[in-house]
Amino acid sequence: MSCLRPAFAVACLALAACTGVAAHGDSGRSEPMIADGTDFGMRPGDTVTLADRSTLRYLRLVNDSRCPPDVQCIWAGNAEIAFAWHDAAGARATFSLHTTVGDKQHRLGTRMLTLRSLARGDAPQAQLHIDIAP
């Protein structure tokens, strides 16, 4: 019987810890905080919190006409990914970033978001950079 008490206590602590995490945010997960001047990765469906307490969500790959790897193409092609941004006051904006043609940067209030690179596939990871806008 005495063996069960420590195991029970550990189980109760684990349950309490999970309950505390679930209290953060609507999804039951807390979003990572991204500091200014940081490179970071996101996949479709990911949400991050920026230094000004605004949130950025990677919505989806809109289209991808990039030349496949190891193929010689006349044109490199372009990929477009969509985002939603909520400022700290609750206003929402949606926008897209492009790999080749179109905007690789977008102003988010006093910050600038830059698309550094985009992996390939149906749900590609985007490498991004956030910093104070010039």
Protein backbone atom coordinates (compact mmCIF):
# COMPACT_ATOMS: atom_id res chain seq x y z
CA MET A 1 0.00 0.00 0.00
CA SER A 2 2.76 2.49 0.81
CA CYS A 3 4.09 2.11 -2.76
CA LEU A 4 0.85 3.46 -4.16
CA ARG A 5 0.89 6.72 -2.22
CA PRO A 6 3.96 8.24 -3.95
CA ALA A 7 2.63 7.13 -7.35
CA PHE A 8 -0.76 8.67 -6.55
CA ALA A 9 0.90 11.94 -5.46
CA VAL A 10 2.90 12.09 -8.69
CA ALA A 11 -0.25 11.45 -10.74
CA CYS A 12 -2.10 14.23 -8.89
CA LEU A 13 0.77 16.68 -9.48
CA ALA A 14 0.87 15.79 -13.17
CA LEU A 15 -2.88 16.33 -13.47
CA ALA A 16 -2.61 19.70 -11.71
CA ALA A 17 0.17 20.77 -14.05
CA CYS A 18 -1.90 19.86 -17.12
CA THR A 19 -4.87 21.76 -15.74
CA GLY A 20 -2.70 24.86 -15.25
CA VAL A 21 -1.49 24.76 -18.86
CA ALA A 22 -5.02 24.36 -20.19
CA ALA A 23 -6.01 27.65 -18.58
CA HIS A 24 -3.75 29.56 -21.02
CA GLY A 25 -5.37 30.55 -24.32
CA ASP A 26 -8.39 29.18 -26.15
CA SER A 27 -6.65 26.12 -27.56
CA GLY A 28 -5.40 24.81 -24.25
CA ARG A 29 -1.82 25.62 -25.29
CA SER A 30 0.19 28.72 -24.65
CA GLU A 31 1.76 30.24 -27.75
CA PRO A 32 5.53 30.73 -27.89
CA MET A 33 6.68 34.32 -27.24
CA ILE A 34 8.86 35.65 -30.07
CA ALA A 35 11.32 38.43 -29.19
CA ASP A 36 12.21 41.24 -31.59
CA GLY A 37 15.26 40.49 -33.73
CA THR A 38 14.48 36.75 -33.77
CA ASP A 39 14.38 34.13 -36.53
CA PHE A 40 11.72 31.48 -35.93
CA GLY A 41 9.87 28.71 -37.72
CA MET A 42 6.13 28.15 -38.14
CA ARG A 43 3.96 25.48 -39.74
CA PRO A 44 0.35 25.91 -40.91
CA GLY A 45 -1.90 26.18 -37.86
CA ASP A 46 0.86 27.52 -35.58
CA THR A 47 0.30 30.69 -33.56
CA VAL A 48 2.97 32.78 -31.86
CA THR A 49 2.82 35.83 -29.59
CA LEU A 50 5.02 38.77 -30.52
CA ALA A 51 6.82 41.12 -28.11
CA ASP A 52 3.97 43.68 -28.30
CA ARG A 53 1.48 40.95 -27.23
CA SER A 54 -0.05 40.71 -30.70
CA THR A 55 -0.48 37.23 -32.19
CA LEU A 56 0.50 35.84 -35.55
CA ARG A 57 -1.08 32.70 -37.02
CA TYR A 58 0.19 30.82 -40.10
CA LEU A 59 -3.06 29.96 -41.88
CA ARG A 60 -2.10 27.92 -44.95
CA LEU A 61 -0.13 27.44 -48.13
CA VAL A 62 -2.14 29.35 -50.75
CA ASN A 63 -0.23 28.12 -53.81
CA ASP A 64 3.17 26.81 -54.77
CA SER A 65 4.41 26.97 -58.37
CA ARG A 66 8.11 26.72 -57.48
CA CYS A 67 10.38 24.64 -59.67
CA PRO A 68 10.90 21.16 -58.13
CA PRO A 69 14.36 20.39 -56.70
CA ASP A 70 16.91 18.95 -59.16
CA VAL A 71 14.91 20.18 -62.17
CA GLN A 72 16.10 22.95 -64.46
CA CYS A 73 13.26 25.42 -65.04
CA ILE A 74 13.01 28.61 -67.07
CA TRP A 75 11.32 30.34 -64.13
CA ALA A 76 11.91 29.63 -60.41
CA GLY A 77 8.20 29.94 -59.61
CA ASN A 78 6.56 31.39 -56.52
CA ALA A 79 4.91 30.18 -53.34
CA GLU A 80 2.37 32.14 -51.27
CA ILE A 81 1.46 31.59 -47.62
CA ALA A 82 -1.36 33.26 -45.70
CA PHE A 83 -1.26 34.70 -42.18
CA ALA A 84 -3.66 36.31 -39.70
CA TRP A 85 -2.45 38.95 -37.26
CA HIS A 86 -4.32 40.18 -34.19
CA ASP A 87 -2.97 43.33 -32.57
CA ALA A 88 -3.05 43.74 -28.79
CA ALA A 89 -6.30 45.75 -29.05
CA GLY A 90 -8.04 42.90 -30.92
CA ALA A 91 -8.03 44.24 -34.49
CA ARG A 92 -7.42 41.53 -37.10
CA ALA A 93 -5.66 41.63 -40.47
CA THR A 94 -4.90 38.89 -42.97
CA PHE A 95 -2.05 39.02 -45.46
CA SER A 96 0.21 36.84 -47.60
CA LEU A 97 3.96 36.52 -48.01
CA HIS A 98 5.64 35.26 -51.20
CA THR A 99 8.92 33.51 -51.91
CA THR A 100 9.69 35.22 -55.22
CA VAL A 101 7.01 37.48 -56.74
CA GLY A 102 5.21 39.77 -54.33
CA ASP A 103 5.89 40.78 -50.77
CA LYS A 104 8.47 38.91 -48.70
CA GLN A 105 7.84 41.41 -45.89
CA HIS A 106 4.78 42.76 -44.12
CA ARG A 107 4.45 45.47 -41.50
CA LEU A 108 2.70 44.40 -38.28
CA GLY A 109 2.12 47.62 -36.35
CA THR A 110 5.61 48.79 -35.36
CA ARG A 111 7.27 45.52 -36.46
CA MET A 112 8.36 44.04 -39.77
CA LEU A 113 7.84 40.34 -40.54
CA THR A 114 10.12 38.84 -43.20
CA LEU A 115 9.84 35.47 -44.93
CA ARG A 116 13.38 34.02 -45.00
CA SER A 117 12.56 30.65 -46.60
CA LEU A 118 9.77 28.15 -47.18
CA ALA A 119 10.16 24.37 -47.15
CA ARG A 120 8.38 22.21 -49.72
CA GLY A 121 5.27 20.07 -49.29
CA ASP A 122 1.58 20.41 -48.50
CA ALA A 123 2.19 21.99 -45.07
CA PRO A 124 5.61 23.64 -45.43
CA GLN A 125 7.50 25.16 -42.55
CA ALA A 126 8.22 28.86 -42.98
CA GLN A 127 11.39 30.43 -41.61
CA LEU A 128 10.56 33.99 -40.55
CA HIS A 129 12.22 37.00 -38.95
CA ILE A 130 10.56 39.67 -36.79
CA ASP A 131 12.08 43.00 -35.81
CA ILE A 132 11.19 46.60 -35.12
CA ALA A 133 10.26 48.28 -38.43
CA PRO A 134 12.72 50.88 -39.74
